[in-house]
Amino acid sequence: MQKLKVVNIKCGGCENSIKIAFEKKGLKNISVDYTCQEVSFEGDKEVATKILDKMGYPIAGSEEAEKFSKKAKSYVSCMIGRVKKK
């Protein structure tokens, strides 16, 4: 099981968006906890990191985590997750 500490996860919409994106790339046993800002899964860590970064949820402590553009992207991903159902 892989576990990543990320930033910008705000709610269930964010969780849903991440789960959908991970499932599309073949990652399994996905768990997203917005209160702890953690994503757990089985699969390729590099694939997961790329997905998260593209969606606006970069790894905590990374240079990307400080960028305003990532925060803005995360709001878009959040809204998509609120609309889409699994």
N, C-alpha and C. Protein backbone atom coordinates (compact mmCIF):
# COMPACT_ATOMS: atom_id res chain seq x y z
N MET A 1 0.86 -1.18 0.00
CA MET A 1 0.00 0.00 0.00
C MET A 1 0.90 1.23 0.00
N GLN A 2 0.63 2.14 -0.91
CA GLN A 2 1.34 3.42 -1.00
C GLN A 2 0.54 4.47 -0.25
N LYS A 3 1.22 5.44 0.34
CA LYS A 3 0.53 6.54 1.01
C LYS A 3 1.25 7.84 0.67
N LEU A 4 0.48 8.83 0.24
CA LEU A 4 1.04 10.14 -0.11
C LEU A 4 0.38 11.23 0.72
N LYS A 5 1.17 12.14 1.20
CA LYS A 5 0.69 13.32 1.92
C LYS A 5 0.65 14.44 0.89
N VAL A 6 -0.53 15.04 0.69
CA VAL A 6 -0.71 16.06 -0.34
C VAL A 6 -1.30 17.33 0.26
N VAL A 7 -1.53 18.32 -0.57
CA VAL A 7 -2.17 19.57 -0.13
C VAL A 7 -3.39 19.85 -1.00
N ASN A 8 -4.25 20.72 -0.52
CA ASN A 8 -5.40 21.27 -1.24
C ASN A 8 -6.64 20.38 -1.28
N ILE A 9 -6.65 19.22 -0.61
CA ILE A 9 -7.87 18.41 -0.57
C ILE A 9 -8.80 19.05 0.44
N LYS A 10 -9.99 19.45 -0.03
CA LYS A 10 -10.89 20.23 0.81
C LYS A 10 -12.15 19.50 1.27
N CYS A 11 -12.61 18.53 0.47
CA CYS A 11 -13.92 17.97 0.79
C CYS A 11 -14.15 16.64 0.07
N GLY A 12 -15.36 16.15 0.18
CA GLY A 12 -15.74 14.92 -0.49
C GLY A 12 -15.69 15.01 -2.00
N GLY A 13 -15.90 16.20 -2.55
CA GLY A 13 -15.79 16.39 -4.00
C GLY A 13 -14.37 16.13 -4.47
N CYS A 14 -13.40 16.62 -3.71
CA CYS A 14 -11.99 16.38 -4.02
C CYS A 14 -11.70 14.88 -3.95
N GLU A 15 -12.18 14.25 -2.88
CA GLU A 15 -11.97 12.81 -2.70
C GLU A 15 -12.51 12.04 -3.90
N ASN A 16 -13.73 12.37 -4.32
CA ASN A 16 -14.37 11.68 -5.43
C ASN A 16 -13.57 11.86 -6.73
N SER A 17 -13.11 13.07 -7.00
CA SER A 17 -12.33 13.33 -8.21
C SER A 17 -11.05 12.50 -8.23
N ILE A 18 -10.38 12.44 -7.10
CA ILE A 18 -9.13 11.68 -7.01
C ILE A 18 -9.41 10.20 -7.23
N LYS A 19 -10.43 9.67 -6.59
CA LYS A 19 -10.76 8.24 -6.74
C LYS A 19 -11.07 7.90 -8.19
N ILE A 20 -11.86 8.72 -8.85
CA ILE A 20 -12.22 8.48 -10.25
C ILE A 20 -10.97 8.50 -11.13
N ALA A 21 -10.12 9.49 -10.94
CA ALA A 21 -8.90 9.61 -11.75
C ALA A 21 -7.97 8.42 -11.53
N PHE A 22 -7.81 8.00 -10.27
CA PHE A 22 -6.94 6.86 -9.96
C PHE A 22 -7.49 5.57 -10.57
N GLU A 23 -8.79 5.36 -10.46
CA GLU A 23 -9.40 4.15 -11.02
C GLU A 23 -9.21 4.08 -12.53
N LYS A 24 -9.31 5.21 -13.21
CA LYS A 24 -9.13 5.25 -14.67
C LYS A 24 -7.72 4.83 -15.06
N LYS A 25 -6.75 5.04 -14.17
CA LYS A 25 -5.36 4.68 -14.46
C LYS A 25 -4.97 3.32 -13.86
N GLY A 26 -5.96 2.59 -13.34
CA GLY A 26 -5.72 1.24 -12.88
C GLY A 26 -5.22 1.09 -11.45
N LEU A 27 -5.23 2.17 -10.68
CA LEU A 27 -4.83 2.08 -9.28
C LEU A 27 -5.97 1.45 -8.49
N LYS A 28 -5.65 0.73 -7.43
CA LYS A 28 -6.64 -0.05 -6.68
C LYS A 28 -6.66 0.34 -5.21
N ASN A 29 -7.72 -0.10 -4.51
CA ASN A 29 -7.87 0.10 -3.05
C ASN A 29 -7.56 1.54 -2.64
N ILE A 30 -8.24 2.46 -3.28
CA ILE A 30 -7.99 3.90 -3.09
C ILE A 30 -8.74 4.41 -1.87
N SER A 31 -8.03 5.14 -1.06
CA SER A 31 -8.61 5.78 0.12
C SER A 31 -8.09 7.21 0.18
N VAL A 32 -9.02 8.16 0.29
CA VAL A 32 -8.65 9.57 0.36
C VAL A 32 -9.22 10.14 1.64
N ASP A 33 -8.38 10.78 2.42
CA ASP A 33 -8.79 11.38 3.69
C ASP A 33 -8.46 12.86 3.66
N TYR A 34 -9.49 13.70 3.44
CA TYR A 34 -9.22 15.13 3.34
C TYR A 34 -8.86 15.76 4.68
N THR A 35 -9.26 15.17 5.78
CA THR A 35 -8.91 15.74 7.08
C THR A 35 -7.42 15.60 7.37
N CYS A 36 -6.81 14.53 6.86
CA CYS A 36 -5.36 14.29 7.06
C CYS A 36 -4.56 14.66 5.82
N GLN A 37 -5.25 14.99 4.72
CA GLN A 37 -4.58 15.31 3.45
C GLN A 37 -3.73 14.14 2.97
N GLU A 38 -4.29 12.91 3.07
CA GLU A 38 -3.56 11.71 2.66
C GLU A 38 -4.35 10.91 1.63
N VAL A 39 -3.58 10.31 0.72
CA VAL A 39 -4.14 9.44 -0.30
C VAL A 39 -3.41 8.11 -0.20
N SER A 40 -4.15 7.02 -0.04
CA SER A 40 -3.58 5.68 0.02
C SER A 40 -4.11 4.88 -1.16
N PHE A 41 -3.27 3.98 -1.68
CA PHE A 41 -3.66 3.21 -2.86
C PHE A 41 -2.67 2.08 -3.09
N GLU A 42 -3.05 1.18 -3.97
CA GLU A 42 -2.14 0.15 -4.45
C GLU A 42 -1.87 0.45 -5.91
N GLY A 43 -0.59 0.49 -6.26
CA GLY A 43 -0.21 0.77 -7.63
C GLY A 43 1.04 1.61 -7.71
N ASP A 44 1.27 2.16 -8.88
CA ASP A 44 2.48 2.91 -9.19
C ASP A 44 2.45 4.31 -8.55
N LYS A 45 3.41 4.57 -7.68
CA LYS A 45 3.49 5.85 -6.98
C LYS A 45 3.73 7.02 -7.94
N GLU A 46 4.55 6.79 -8.94
CA GLU A 46 4.85 7.86 -9.91
C GLU A 46 3.60 8.25 -10.70
N VAL A 47 2.81 7.27 -11.09
CA VAL A 47 1.56 7.54 -11.81
C VAL A 47 0.63 8.36 -10.92
N ALA A 48 0.50 7.94 -9.67
CA ALA A 48 -0.37 8.64 -8.73
C ALA A 48 0.08 10.08 -8.51
N THR A 49 1.38 10.28 -8.35
CA THR A 49 1.92 11.62 -8.13
C THR A 49 1.62 12.54 -9.31
N LYS A 50 1.76 12.02 -10.52
CA LYS A 50 1.48 12.81 -11.72
C LYS A 50 -0.01 13.19 -11.80
N ILE A 51 -0.86 12.23 -11.48
CA ILE A 51 -2.31 12.50 -11.50
C ILE A 51 -2.64 13.60 -10.49
N LEU A 52 -2.16 13.44 -9.28
CA LEU A 52 -2.45 14.40 -8.22
C LEU A 52 -1.95 15.80 -8.58
N ASP A 53 -0.73 15.88 -9.09
CA ASP A 53 -0.16 17.17 -9.45
C ASP A 53 -0.98 17.84 -10.55
N LYS A 54 -1.38 17.06 -11.55
CA LYS A 54 -2.17 17.61 -12.67
C LYS A 54 -3.52 18.13 -12.19
N MET A 55 -4.09 17.47 -11.16
CA MET A 55 -5.40 17.86 -10.63
C MET A 55 -5.32 19.02 -9.63
N GLY A 56 -4.10 19.39 -9.21
CA GLY A 56 -3.96 20.49 -8.26
C GLY A 56 -3.75 20.03 -6.82
N TYR A 57 -3.38 18.77 -6.65
CA TYR A 57 -3.12 18.21 -5.32
C TYR A 57 -1.68 17.71 -5.22
N PRO A 58 -0.71 18.63 -5.25
CA PRO A 58 0.69 18.21 -5.22
C PRO A 58 1.12 17.65 -3.87
N ILE A 59 2.25 16.98 -3.88
CA ILE A 59 2.82 16.39 -2.67
C ILE A 59 3.18 17.50 -1.67
N ALA A 60 2.79 17.31 -0.43
CA ALA A 60 3.08 18.29 0.64
C ALA A 60 4.59 18.50 0.74
N GLY A 61 5.00 19.75 0.87
CA GLY A 61 6.40 20.10 1.01
C GLY A 61 7.14 20.29 -0.30
N SER A 62 6.49 19.96 -1.41
CA SER A 62 7.13 20.14 -2.71
C SER A 62 7.04 21.59 -3.16
N GLU A 63 7.84 21.94 -4.13
CA GLU A 63 7.80 23.28 -4.70
C GLU A 63 6.43 23.58 -5.31
N GLU A 64 5.82 22.57 -5.92
CA GLU A 64 4.51 22.72 -6.54
C GLU A 64 3.42 23.04 -5.52
N ALA A 65 3.60 22.58 -4.30
CA ALA A 65 2.59 22.77 -3.26
C ALA A 65 2.36 24.24 -2.92
N GLU A 66 3.32 25.08 -3.20
CA GLU A 66 3.23 26.50 -2.88
C GLU A 66 2.63 27.35 -4.00
N LYS A 67 2.41 26.76 -5.15
CA LYS A 67 1.95 27.53 -6.31
C LYS A 67 0.45 27.81 -6.25
N PHE A 68 0.09 29.05 -6.52
CA PHE A 68 -1.32 29.46 -6.54
C PHE A 68 -2.08 28.71 -7.63
N SER A 69 -1.42 28.44 -8.76
CA SER A 69 -2.10 27.76 -9.86
C SER A 69 -2.58 26.37 -9.45
N LYS A 70 -1.85 25.71 -8.56
CA LYS A 70 -2.27 24.37 -8.09
C LYS A 70 -3.50 24.49 -7.20
N LYS A 71 -3.56 25.54 -6.41
CA LYS A 71 -4.74 25.75 -5.57
C LYS A 71 -5.97 25.99 -6.44
N ALA A 72 -5.80 26.78 -7.49
CA ALA A 72 -6.91 27.06 -8.40
C ALA A 72 -7.38 25.78 -9.10
N LYS A 73 -6.42 24.97 -9.57
CA LYS A 73 -6.77 23.71 -10.22
C LYS A 73 -7.53 22.79 -9.28
N SER A 74 -7.13 22.79 -8.02
CA SER A 74 -7.79 21.90 -7.06
C SER A 74 -9.26 22.28 -6.89
N TYR A 75 -9.59 23.56 -6.98
CA TYR A 75 -11.00 23.97 -6.87
C TYR A 75 -11.81 23.45 -8.06
N VAL A 76 -11.21 23.46 -9.24
CA VAL A 76 -11.90 22.94 -10.42
C VAL A 76 -12.11 21.43 -10.25
N SER A 77 -11.07 20.71 -9.83
CA SER A 77 -11.19 19.26 -9.61
C SER A 77 -12.25 18.96 -8.56
N CYS A 78 -12.29 19.78 -7.53
CA CYS A 78 -13.27 19.62 -6.45
C CYS A 78 -14.69 19.74 -7.01
N MET A 79 -14.94 20.75 -7.79
CA MET A 79 -16.28 20.96 -8.35
C MET A 79 -16.69 19.82 -9.28
N ILE A 80 -15.74 19.33 -10.06
CA ILE A 80 -16.03 18.19 -10.94
C ILE A 80 -16.41 16.99 -10.10
N GLY A 81 -15.68 16.77 -9.00
CA GLY A 81 -15.97 15.64 -8.12
C GLY A 81 -17.31 15.73 -7.46
N ARG A 82 -17.77 16.93 -7.22
CA ARG A 82 -19.10 17.11 -6.61
C ARG A 82 -20.21 16.77 -7.60
N VAL A 83 -19.95 16.99 -8.87
CA VAL A 83 -20.95 16.76 -9.90
C VAL A 83 -20.97 15.30 -10.37
N LYS A 84 -19.77 14.74 -10.57
CA LYS A 84 -19.67 13.37 -11.06
C LYS A 84 -19.94 12.36 -9.96
N LYS A 85 -20.60 11.32 -10.31
CA LYS A 85 -20.85 10.22 -9.40
C LYS A 85 -20.07 9.01 -9.89
N LYS A 86 -19.62 8.22 -8.95
CA LYS A 86 -18.87 7.00 -9.32
C LYS A 86 -19.77 5.98 -9.93
